[in-house]
Amino acid sequence: MRILLSIILFVLPTFATLKTAPTNITGKNILTNENFSWSFADKKQALVVVFLSAKCPCSDSHNTELIDLAKTYPQFQFIAIHSNPDESLEHSQFYFSKAQLNFPVLQDDNLKWANTLHAKKTPHAFVINSEGLVLYQGGVSSSNKFQNADKKFLRTALMEISENKPVSTPEGRTLGCSISRDQED
């Protein structure tokens, strides 16, 4: 009975849906090595936070889509967060510079943002409005290789929010590489 209860308590947070989130994001931008701070005082419609990896092929396959989304939807603030402690800062800086993302990439050294938002994999996206309500969370698409995706979850959510419609799929399956955490976490 104890084992079953332990399993339930361990697995339950994995399936919990995040309802609210912070409305400001701070951290060190690994592309510029400068401190970065953003809040809704910056007059954007919503905040798009995407957890990315410098080593994950699934994360890598979605970079072009994320760059296009940031161009297509300038009313949204895009921020990438890199939380994997098993990826060196030097490698991550090189990788993200080469990827030419058109938005900041924050280093999440202590998994603060990954734990706060319950991010599990890369890429894992969150769309947060000015009240801190999570309008969408999950994968960028329905495939671990973006070019094979039949559903573009994040694109659809941003389109619907832009048109002041409710998000038809507020949670999409997150595919990709796990954000590594110590056994103690």
N, C-alpha and C. Protein backbone atom coordinates (compact mmCIF):
# COMPACT_ATOMS: atom_id res chain seq x y z
N MET A 1 0.82 -1.19 0.00
CA MET A 1 0.00 0.00 0.00
C MET A 1 0.87 1.26 0.00
N ARG A 2 1.94 1.25 0.81
CA ARG A 2 2.84 2.41 0.85
C ARG A 2 3.49 2.63 -0.51
N ILE A 3 3.86 1.56 -1.16
CA ILE A 3 4.50 1.69 -2.47
C ILE A 3 3.52 2.29 -3.47
N LEU A 4 2.29 1.84 -3.47
CA LEU A 4 1.28 2.39 -4.37
C LEU A 4 1.06 3.87 -4.09
N LEU A 5 0.96 4.25 -2.83
CA LEU A 5 0.78 5.65 -2.47
C LEU A 5 1.98 6.48 -2.90
N SER A 6 3.18 5.96 -2.73
CA SER A 6 4.39 6.66 -3.16
C SER A 6 4.39 6.88 -4.66
N ILE A 7 3.99 5.88 -5.40
CA ILE A 7 3.94 6.00 -6.86
C ILE A 7 2.91 7.05 -7.26
N ILE A 8 1.75 7.03 -6.65
CA ILE A 8 0.71 8.01 -6.97
C ILE A 8 1.19 9.42 -6.66
N LEU A 9 1.81 9.62 -5.50
CA LEU A 9 2.29 10.95 -5.13
C LEU A 9 3.42 11.42 -6.03
N PHE A 10 4.23 10.49 -6.54
CA PHE A 10 5.32 10.84 -7.44
C PHE A 10 4.80 11.18 -8.84
N VAL A 11 3.84 10.42 -9.33
CA VAL A 11 3.35 10.59 -10.69
C VAL A 11 2.32 11.70 -10.81
N LEU A 12 1.52 11.93 -9.79
CA LEU A 12 0.45 12.92 -9.85
C LEU A 12 0.90 14.29 -10.33
N PRO A 13 2.00 14.88 -9.81
CA PRO A 13 2.40 16.20 -10.30
C PRO A 13 2.73 16.21 -11.79
N THR A 14 3.12 15.08 -12.35
CA THR A 14 3.43 15.01 -13.77
C THR A 14 2.20 15.33 -14.61
N PHE A 15 1.02 15.00 -14.14
CA PHE A 15 -0.19 15.19 -14.91
C PHE A 15 -0.96 16.44 -14.50
N ALA A 16 -0.46 17.16 -13.50
CA ALA A 16 -1.14 18.36 -13.04
C ALA A 16 -1.05 19.44 -14.11
N THR A 17 -2.15 20.12 -14.34
CA THR A 17 -2.20 21.20 -15.30
C THR A 17 -1.93 22.50 -14.56
N LEU A 18 -0.97 23.25 -15.05
CA LEU A 18 -0.64 24.54 -14.46
C LEU A 18 -1.71 25.55 -14.84
N LYS A 19 -2.28 26.22 -13.87
CA LYS A 19 -3.36 27.18 -14.13
C LYS A 19 -2.85 28.62 -14.14
N THR A 20 -1.91 28.94 -13.26
CA THR A 20 -1.38 30.30 -13.20
C THR A 20 0.14 30.25 -13.21
N ALA A 21 0.74 31.38 -13.59
CA ALA A 21 2.19 31.45 -13.71
C ALA A 21 2.64 32.88 -13.42
N PRO A 22 3.92 33.08 -13.21
CA PRO A 22 4.42 34.44 -12.99
C PRO A 22 4.18 35.32 -14.22
N THR A 23 4.03 36.60 -13.98
CA THR A 23 3.82 37.55 -15.09
C THR A 23 5.07 38.36 -15.37
N ASN A 24 6.15 38.03 -14.71
CA ASN A 24 7.43 38.64 -15.06
C ASN A 24 8.50 37.56 -15.06
N ILE A 25 9.47 37.72 -15.92
CA ILE A 25 10.53 36.73 -16.09
C ILE A 25 11.86 37.46 -16.00
N THR A 26 12.79 36.92 -15.23
CA THR A 26 14.12 37.51 -15.12
C THR A 26 15.16 36.40 -15.25
N GLY A 27 16.34 36.78 -15.67
CA GLY A 27 17.44 35.83 -15.76
C GLY A 27 18.55 36.38 -16.60
N LYS A 28 19.59 35.58 -16.78
CA LYS A 28 20.73 35.97 -17.60
C LYS A 28 20.52 35.45 -19.01
N ASN A 29 20.55 36.37 -19.98
CA ASN A 29 20.42 36.00 -21.39
C ASN A 29 21.75 35.42 -21.83
N ILE A 30 21.78 34.14 -22.17
CA ILE A 30 23.04 33.51 -22.52
C ILE A 30 23.57 33.96 -23.89
N LEU A 31 22.73 34.62 -24.68
CA LEU A 31 23.19 35.13 -25.97
C LEU A 31 23.97 36.43 -25.82
N THR A 32 23.61 37.24 -24.83
CA THR A 32 24.27 38.53 -24.64
C THR A 32 25.08 38.59 -23.35
N ASN A 33 24.91 37.60 -22.48
CA ASN A 33 25.55 37.55 -21.17
C ASN A 33 25.12 38.72 -20.29
N GLU A 34 23.93 39.27 -20.55
CA GLU A 34 23.40 40.37 -19.77
C GLU A 34 22.16 39.92 -19.02
N ASN A 35 21.89 40.60 -17.90
CA ASN A 35 20.66 40.31 -17.16
C ASN A 35 19.47 40.76 -17.99
N PHE A 36 18.40 39.99 -17.91
CA PHE A 36 17.20 40.27 -18.70
C PHE A 36 16.02 40.26 -17.74
N SER A 37 15.12 41.20 -17.95
CA SER A 37 13.91 41.27 -17.14
C SER A 37 12.76 41.67 -18.05
N TRP A 38 11.63 41.00 -17.89
CA TRP A 38 10.45 41.31 -18.71
C TRP A 38 9.21 41.23 -17.83
N SER A 39 8.29 42.16 -18.04
CA SER A 39 7.00 42.10 -17.37
C SER A 39 5.94 42.64 -18.32
N PHE A 40 4.68 42.50 -17.95
CA PHE A 40 3.60 42.94 -18.82
C PHE A 40 3.52 44.45 -18.96
N ALA A 41 4.35 45.18 -18.23
CA ALA A 41 4.43 46.63 -18.44
C ALA A 41 4.95 46.92 -19.85
N ASP A 42 5.54 45.90 -20.48
CA ASP A 42 6.08 46.04 -21.83
C ASP A 42 5.01 45.98 -22.92
N LYS A 43 3.74 45.92 -22.53
CA LYS A 43 2.59 46.06 -23.43
C LYS A 43 2.46 44.98 -24.50
N LYS A 44 2.76 43.77 -24.18
CA LYS A 44 2.53 42.67 -25.10
C LYS A 44 1.22 41.98 -24.74
N GLN A 45 0.63 41.30 -25.72
CA GLN A 45 -0.65 40.62 -25.49
C GLN A 45 -0.49 39.44 -24.54
N ALA A 46 0.59 38.71 -24.70
CA ALA A 46 0.84 37.55 -23.85
C ALA A 46 2.33 37.22 -23.91
N LEU A 47 2.75 36.38 -22.99
CA LEU A 47 4.12 35.92 -22.89
C LEU A 47 4.17 34.47 -23.36
N VAL A 48 5.11 34.18 -24.26
CA VAL A 48 5.33 32.81 -24.72
C VAL A 48 6.69 32.37 -24.17
N VAL A 49 6.67 31.39 -23.29
CA VAL A 49 7.89 30.84 -22.72
C VAL A 49 8.06 29.44 -23.29
N VAL A 50 9.24 29.19 -23.86
CA VAL A 50 9.51 27.87 -24.43
C VAL A 50 10.81 27.35 -23.84
N PHE A 51 10.75 26.18 -23.26
CA PHE A 51 11.95 25.53 -22.74
C PHE A 51 12.62 24.79 -23.89
N LEU A 52 13.90 25.10 -24.09
CA LEU A 52 14.67 24.54 -25.20
C LEU A 52 15.95 23.89 -24.69
N SER A 53 16.49 23.02 -25.52
CA SER A 53 17.72 22.31 -25.21
C SER A 53 18.75 22.55 -26.31
N ALA A 54 20.01 22.54 -25.92
CA ALA A 54 21.10 22.68 -26.89
C ALA A 54 21.50 21.34 -27.49
N LYS A 55 20.95 20.24 -26.97
CA LYS A 55 21.34 18.91 -27.44
C LYS A 55 20.17 18.09 -27.98
N CYS A 56 18.96 18.44 -27.66
CA CYS A 56 17.81 17.61 -28.00
C CYS A 56 17.41 17.78 -29.47
N PRO A 57 17.38 16.71 -30.26
CA PRO A 57 16.97 16.82 -31.66
C PRO A 57 15.53 17.31 -31.84
N CYS A 58 14.64 16.94 -30.92
CA CYS A 58 13.25 17.39 -31.00
C CYS A 58 13.18 18.90 -30.81
N SER A 59 13.87 19.39 -29.82
CA SER A 59 13.92 20.83 -29.57
C SER A 59 14.49 21.54 -30.79
N ASP A 60 15.58 21.02 -31.31
CA ASP A 60 16.24 21.62 -32.48
C ASP A 60 15.31 21.68 -33.69
N SER A 61 14.52 20.67 -33.89
CA SER A 61 13.65 20.62 -35.08
C SER A 61 12.54 21.67 -35.04
N HIS A 62 12.30 22.26 -33.87
CA HIS A 62 11.23 23.26 -33.72
C HIS A 62 11.74 24.70 -33.76
N ASN A 63 13.05 24.90 -33.84
CA ASN A 63 13.61 26.26 -33.81
C ASN A 63 13.09 27.13 -34.95
N THR A 64 13.04 26.61 -36.16
CA THR A 64 12.57 27.40 -37.30
C THR A 64 11.13 27.84 -37.10
N GLU A 65 10.29 26.96 -36.58
CA GLU A 65 8.90 27.31 -36.31
C GLU A 65 8.82 28.41 -35.25
N LEU A 66 9.62 28.31 -34.20
CA LEU A 66 9.60 29.33 -33.15
C LEU A 66 10.06 30.69 -33.67
N ILE A 67 11.08 30.70 -34.50
CA ILE A 67 11.55 31.95 -35.11
C ILE A 67 10.44 32.56 -35.96
N ASP A 68 9.77 31.72 -36.74
CA ASP A 68 8.67 32.21 -37.58
C ASP A 68 7.50 32.72 -36.73
N LEU A 69 7.17 32.02 -35.67
CA LEU A 69 6.08 32.46 -34.79
C LEU A 69 6.39 33.82 -34.16
N ALA A 70 7.62 34.01 -33.73
CA ALA A 70 8.00 35.30 -33.12
C ALA A 70 7.88 36.44 -34.13
N LYS A 71 8.16 36.15 -35.41
CA LYS A 71 8.00 37.17 -36.47
C LYS A 71 6.53 37.38 -36.80
N THR A 72 5.77 36.31 -36.89
CA THR A 72 4.36 36.38 -37.27
C THR A 72 3.50 37.03 -36.19
N TYR A 73 3.87 36.83 -34.94
CA TYR A 73 3.07 37.32 -33.81
C TYR A 73 3.90 38.26 -32.92
N PRO A 74 4.22 39.46 -33.41
CA PRO A 74 5.05 40.39 -32.62
C PRO A 74 4.34 40.92 -31.38
N GLN A 75 3.02 40.73 -31.29
CA GLN A 75 2.29 41.18 -30.10
C GLN A 75 2.53 40.26 -28.90
N PHE A 76 3.24 39.17 -29.11
CA PHE A 76 3.60 38.25 -28.04
C PHE A 76 5.09 38.38 -27.76
N GLN A 77 5.46 38.36 -26.49
CA GLN A 77 6.87 38.34 -26.11
C GLN A 77 7.32 36.89 -26.02
N PHE A 78 8.30 36.52 -26.81
CA PHE A 78 8.87 35.17 -26.77
C PHE A 78 10.12 35.18 -25.91
N ILE A 79 10.23 34.18 -25.07
CA ILE A 79 11.43 33.97 -24.26
C ILE A 79 11.70 32.48 -24.23
N ALA A 80 12.93 32.10 -24.54
CA ALA A 80 13.35 30.70 -24.39
C ALA A 80 14.06 30.57 -23.05
N ILE A 81 13.90 29.41 -22.45
CA ILE A 81 14.60 29.12 -21.20
C ILE A 81 15.35 27.82 -21.38
N HIS A 82 16.62 27.86 -21.01
CA HIS A 82 17.48 26.68 -21.07
C HIS A 82 17.74 26.21 -19.65
N SER A 83 17.21 25.03 -19.30
CA SER A 83 17.26 24.55 -17.92
C SER A 83 18.10 23.30 -17.71
N ASN A 84 18.65 22.72 -18.76
CA ASN A 84 19.33 21.43 -18.60
C ASN A 84 20.71 21.58 -17.98
N PRO A 85 20.89 21.12 -16.74
CA PRO A 85 22.20 21.25 -16.09
C PRO A 85 23.27 20.35 -16.71
N ASP A 86 22.86 19.37 -17.49
CA ASP A 86 23.83 18.48 -18.12
C ASP A 86 24.36 19.03 -19.46
N GLU A 87 23.97 20.25 -19.81
CA GLU A 87 24.46 20.90 -21.03
C GLU A 87 25.29 22.11 -20.60
N SER A 88 26.55 22.13 -20.97
CA SER A 88 27.44 23.19 -20.51
C SER A 88 27.00 24.56 -21.04
N LEU A 89 27.30 25.58 -20.28
CA LEU A 89 26.97 26.94 -20.68
C LEU A 89 27.67 27.30 -22.00
N GLU A 90 28.92 26.91 -22.13
CA GLU A 90 29.68 27.22 -23.35
C GLU A 90 29.04 26.57 -24.57
N HIS A 91 28.68 25.30 -24.45
CA HIS A 91 28.03 24.60 -25.58
C HIS A 91 26.69 25.25 -25.89
N SER A 92 25.93 25.59 -24.85
CA SER A 92 24.61 26.19 -25.04
C SER A 92 24.72 27.55 -25.70
N GLN A 93 25.68 28.36 -25.27
CA GLN A 93 25.88 29.68 -25.89
C GLN A 93 26.21 29.52 -27.38
N PHE A 94 27.10 28.59 -27.69
CA PHE A 94 27.46 28.35 -29.08
C PHE A 94 26.24 27.88 -29.89
N TYR A 95 25.53 26.90 -29.35
CA TYR A 95 24.37 26.34 -30.05
C TYR A 95 23.30 27.40 -30.32
N PHE A 96 22.90 28.14 -29.28
CA PHE A 96 21.81 29.10 -29.45
C PHE A 96 22.23 30.30 -30.30
N SER A 97 23.49 30.66 -30.27
CA SER A 97 23.97 31.72 -31.18
C SER A 97 23.86 31.25 -32.63
N LYS A 98 24.26 30.02 -32.87
CA LYS A 98 24.18 29.44 -34.21
C LYS A 98 22.73 29.29 -34.67
N ALA A 99 21.82 29.01 -33.74
CA ALA A 99 20.40 28.82 -34.08
C ALA A 99 19.73 30.12 -34.51
N GLN A 100 20.32 31.25 -34.17
CA GLN A 100 19.83 32.58 -34.56
C GLN A 100 18.38 32.82 -34.13
N LEU A 101 18.08 32.46 -32.90
CA LEU A 101 16.74 32.74 -32.36
C LEU A 101 16.56 34.26 -32.26
N ASN A 102 15.36 34.73 -32.55
CA ASN A 102 15.08 36.16 -32.54
C ASN A 102 14.40 36.60 -31.25
N PHE A 103 14.77 35.97 -30.15
CA PHE A 103 14.26 36.29 -28.82
C PHE A 103 15.29 35.84 -27.79
N PRO A 104 15.20 36.37 -26.57
CA PRO A 104 16.19 36.02 -25.54
C PRO A 104 16.14 34.55 -25.14
N VAL A 105 17.29 34.04 -24.73
CA VAL A 105 17.41 32.68 -24.19
C VAL A 105 18.00 32.83 -22.79
N LEU A 106 17.20 32.52 -21.78
CA LEU A 106 17.65 32.67 -20.40
C LEU A 106 18.20 31.37 -19.85
N GLN A 107 19.30 31.47 -19.12
CA GLN A 107 19.90 30.32 -18.46
C GLN A 107 19.20 30.11 -17.13
N ASP A 108 18.73 28.91 -16.89
CA ASP A 108 17.98 28.55 -15.69
C ASP A 108 18.84 27.61 -14.85
N ASP A 109 19.88 28.17 -14.22
CA ASP A 109 20.89 27.35 -13.54
C ASP A 109 20.33 26.43 -12.46
N ASN A 110 19.40 26.90 -11.69
CA ASN A 110 18.88 26.10 -10.57
C ASN A 110 17.50 25.53 -10.84
N LEU A 111 17.12 25.48 -12.11
CA LEU A 111 15.82 24.95 -12.52
C LEU A 111 14.65 25.74 -11.91
N LYS A 112 14.90 27.00 -11.56
CA LYS A 112 13.86 27.82 -10.95
C LYS A 112 12.64 27.91 -11.86
N TRP A 113 12.84 28.26 -13.12
CA TRP A 113 11.71 28.44 -14.03
C TRP A 113 11.12 27.10 -14.45
N ALA A 114 11.96 26.09 -14.65
CA ALA A 114 11.44 24.77 -15.02
C ALA A 114 10.56 24.22 -13.91
N ASN A 115 10.97 24.39 -12.67
CA ASN A 115 10.17 23.91 -11.54
C ASN A 115 8.93 24.76 -11.33
N THR A 116 9.04 26.08 -11.48
CA THR A 116 7.90 26.97 -11.28
C THR A 116 6.80 26.67 -12.30
N LEU A 117 7.19 26.46 -13.55
CA LEU A 117 6.21 26.23 -14.62
C LEU A 117 5.91 24.74 -14.84
N HIS A 118 6.59 23.87 -14.13
CA HIS A 118 6.40 22.42 -14.27
C HIS A 118 6.79 21.95 -15.67
N ALA A 119 7.82 22.55 -16.23
CA ALA A 119 8.30 22.13 -17.55
C ALA A 119 8.98 20.77 -17.43
N LYS A 120 8.62 19.88 -18.32
CA LYS A 120 9.13 18.51 -18.26
C LYS A 120 10.09 18.16 -19.38
N LYS A 121 9.85 18.70 -20.57
CA LYS A 121 10.62 18.30 -21.75
C LYS A 121 10.97 19.53 -22.59
N THR A 122 11.82 19.29 -23.58
CA THR A 122 12.14 20.33 -24.54
C THR A 122 11.78 19.84 -25.94
N PRO A 123 11.00 20.63 -26.65
CA PRO A 123 10.45 21.93 -26.28
C PRO A 123 9.13 21.78 -25.50
N HIS A 124 8.96 22.64 -24.52
CA HIS A 124 7.73 22.71 -23.72
C HIS A 124 7.34 24.18 -23.69
N ALA A 125 6.17 24.51 -24.21
CA ALA A 125 5.74 25.90 -24.38
C ALA A 125 4.62 26.25 -23.42
N PHE A 126 4.62 27.52 -23.00
CA PHE A 126 3.58 28.08 -22.14
C PHE A 126 3.20 29.44 -22.70
N VAL A 127 1.91 29.71 -22.80
CA VAL A 127 1.43 31.04 -23.17
C VAL A 127 0.70 31.58 -21.95
N ILE A 128 1.17 32.73 -21.46
CA ILE A 128 0.68 33.29 -20.20
C ILE A 128 0.14 34.69 -20.47
N ASN A 129 -1.07 34.98 -20.00
CA ASN A 129 -1.62 36.32 -20.21
C ASN A 129 -1.21 37.25 -19.07
N SER A 130 -1.63 38.51 -19.16
CA SER A 130 -1.18 39.53 -18.21
C SER A 130 -1.68 39.28 -16.78
N GLU A 131 -2.71 38.48 -16.62
CA GLU A 131 -3.20 38.12 -15.28
C GLU A 131 -2.49 36.90 -14.72
N GLY A 132 -1.59 36.34 -15.49
CA GLY A 132 -0.88 35.15 -15.05
C GLY A 132 -1.60 33.85 -15.36
N LEU A 133 -2.68 33.91 -16.13
CA LEU A 133 -3.39 32.69 -16.51
C LEU A 133 -2.65 32.00 -17.66
N VAL A 134 -2.50 30.70 -17.51
CA VAL A 134 -1.85 29.92 -18.56
C VAL A 134 -2.92 29.58 -19.59
N LEU A 135 -2.78 30.17 -20.78
CA LEU A 135 -3.75 29.97 -21.86
C LEU A 135 -3.45 28.73 -22.67
N TYR A 136 -2.16 28.37 -22.75
CA TYR A 136 -1.76 27.16 -23.46
C TYR A 136 -0.51 26.63 -22.78
N GLN A 137 -0.40 25.30 -22.73
CA GLN A 137 0.82 24.65 -22.29
C GLN A 137 0.96 23.32 -22.99
N GLY A 138 2.18 23.01 -23.36
CA GLY A 138 2.44 21.74 -24.00
C GLY A 138 3.45 21.85 -25.12
N GLY A 139 3.36 20.91 -26.03
CA GLY A 139 4.30 20.87 -27.14
C GLY A 139 4.05 21.97 -28.16
N VAL A 140 5.07 22.26 -28.93
CA VAL A 140 4.95 23.21 -30.03
C VAL A 140 4.12 22.57 -31.14
N SER A 141 4.32 21.27 -31.32
CA SER A 141 3.59 20.54 -32.36
C SER A 141 3.28 19.12 -31.89
N SER A 142 2.68 18.36 -32.76
CA SER A 142 2.28 16.98 -32.44
C SER A 142 3.35 15.95 -32.78
N SER A 143 4.54 16.40 -33.16
CA SER A 143 5.59 15.46 -33.56
C SER A 143 6.92 15.84 -32.93
N ASN A 144 7.77 14.83 -32.72
CA ASN A 144 9.11 15.14 -32.23
C ASN A 144 10.00 15.68 -33.34
N LYS A 145 9.54 15.60 -34.58
CA LYS A 145 10.20 16.25 -35.72
C LYS A 145 9.18 17.19 -36.33
N PHE A 146 9.44 18.49 -36.21
CA PHE A 146 8.42 19.46 -36.60
C PHE A 146 7.91 19.25 -38.02
N GLN A 147 8.78 18.91 -38.94
CA GLN A 147 8.36 18.75 -40.34
C GLN A 147 7.35 17.62 -40.52
N ASN A 148 7.23 16.72 -39.55
CA ASN A 148 6.27 15.62 -39.62
C ASN A 148 4.98 15.90 -38.86
N ALA A 149 4.86 17.08 -38.27
CA ALA A 149 3.71 17.39 -37.41
C ALA A 149 2.43 17.55 -38.22
N ASP A 150 1.36 16.96 -37.73
CA ASP A 150 0.05 17.20 -38.35
C ASP A 150 -0.73 18.25 -37.57
N LYS A 151 -0.27 18.58 -36.36
CA LYS A 151 -0.90 19.63 -35.56
C LYS A 151 0.18 20.58 -35.07
N LYS A 152 -0.12 21.86 -35.19
CA LYS A 152 0.81 22.90 -34.72
C LYS A 152 0.13 23.60 -33.54
N PHE A 153 0.27 22.97 -32.37
CA PHE A 153 -0.45 23.41 -31.18
C PHE A 153 -0.18 24.87 -30.83
N LEU A 154 1.09 25.26 -30.77
CA LEU A 154 1.42 26.61 -30.35
C LEU A 154 0.95 27.64 -31.38
N ARG A 155 1.14 27.37 -32.65
CA ARG A 155 0.69 28.29 -33.70
C ARG A 155 -0.83 28.50 -33.63
N THR A 156 -1.56 27.41 -33.46
CA THR A 156 -3.02 27.51 -33.37
C THR A 156 -3.43 28.33 -32.15
N ALA A 157 -2.79 28.08 -31.01
CA ALA A 157 -3.12 28.83 -29.80
C ALA A 157 -2.85 30.32 -29.98
N LEU A 158 -1.73 30.69 -30.57
CA LEU A 158 -1.41 32.10 -30.77
C LEU A 158 -2.38 32.76 -31.75
N MET A 159 -2.77 32.03 -32.79
CA MET A 159 -3.74 32.56 -33.75
C MET A 159 -5.07 32.83 -33.04
N GLU A 160 -5.52 31.87 -32.25
CA GLU A 160 -6.81 32.02 -31.56
C GLU A 160 -6.76 33.16 -30.54
N ILE A 161 -5.68 33.27 -29.80
CA ILE A 161 -5.56 34.35 -28.82
C ILE A 161 -5.53 35.70 -29.55
N SER A 162 -4.84 35.77 -30.67
CA SER A 162 -4.77 37.01 -31.47
C SER A 162 -6.14 37.44 -31.95
N GLU A 163 -7.00 36.47 -32.21
CA GLU A 163 -8.36 36.75 -32.69
C GLU A 163 -9.37 36.85 -31.53
N ASN A 164 -8.85 36.94 -30.31
CA ASN A 164 -9.68 37.02 -29.10
C ASN A 164 -10.66 35.86 -28.96
N LYS A 165 -10.21 34.70 -29.39
CA LYS A 165 -11.01 33.48 -29.25
C LYS A 165 -10.41 32.64 -28.12
N PRO A 166 -11.22 31.79 -27.51
CA PRO A 166 -10.65 30.86 -26.53
C PRO A 166 -9.73 29.85 -27.24
N VAL A 167 -8.73 29.40 -26.55
CA VAL A 167 -7.81 28.41 -27.11
C VAL A 167 -8.52 27.07 -27.17
N SER A 168 -8.65 26.53 -28.37
CA SER A 168 -9.40 25.28 -28.56
C SER A 168 -8.68 24.07 -27.96
N THR A 169 -7.37 24.11 -27.92
CA THR A 169 -6.59 23.03 -27.32
C THR A 169 -5.65 23.66 -26.29
N PRO A 170 -6.12 23.85 -25.06
CA PRO A 170 -5.30 24.55 -24.07
C PRO A 170 -4.10 23.74 -23.57
N GLU A 171 -4.09 22.45 -23.87
CA GLU A 171 -2.96 21.62 -23.46
C GLU A 171 -2.65 20.63 -24.57
N GLY A 172 -1.40 20.64 -25.01
CA GLY A 172 -0.95 19.71 -26.04
C GLY A 172 0.11 18.78 -25.48
N ARG A 173 0.20 17.62 -26.03
CA ARG A 173 1.18 16.64 -25.58
C ARG A 173 2.58 17.19 -25.81
N THR A 174 3.41 17.09 -24.79
CA THR A 174 4.78 17.56 -24.89
C THR A 174 5.67 16.38 -25.26
N LEU A 175 6.33 16.50 -26.40
CA LEU A 175 7.26 15.48 -26.87
C LEU A 175 8.67 16.05 -26.82
N GLY A 176 9.65 15.22 -26.68
CA GLY A 176 11.02 15.69 -26.70
C GLY A 176 11.85 15.06 -25.60
N CYS A 177 12.97 15.71 -25.33
CA CYS A 177 13.91 15.21 -24.33
C CYS A 177 13.55 15.77 -22.96
N SER A 178 13.68 14.95 -21.96
CA SER A 178 13.37 15.37 -20.59
C SER A 178 14.35 16.43 -20.11
N ILE A 179 13.83 17.37 -19.34
CA ILE A 179 14.69 18.33 -18.66
C ILE A 179 15.31 17.57 -17.49
N SER A 180 16.62 17.45 -17.50
CA SER A 180 17.29 16.63 -16.48
C SER A 180 17.24 17.32 -15.13
N ARG A 181 16.93 16.50 -14.13
CA ARG A 181 16.89 16.95 -12.75
C ARG A 181 17.61 15.91 -11.92
N ASP A 182 18.21 16.35 -10.81
CA ASP A 182 18.84 15.41 -9.89
C ASP A 182 17.77 14.53 -9.28
N GLN A 183 18.16 13.38 -8.81
CA GLN A 183 17.21 12.46 -8.18
C GLN A 183 16.54 13.10 -6.95
N GLU A 184 17.24 14.04 -6.30
CA GLU A 184 16.70 14.67 -5.10
C GLU A 184 15.52 15.58 -5.41
N ASP A 185 15.44 16.14 -6.65
CA ASP A 185 14.39 17.11 -6.99
C ASP A 185 13.07 16.46 -7.16
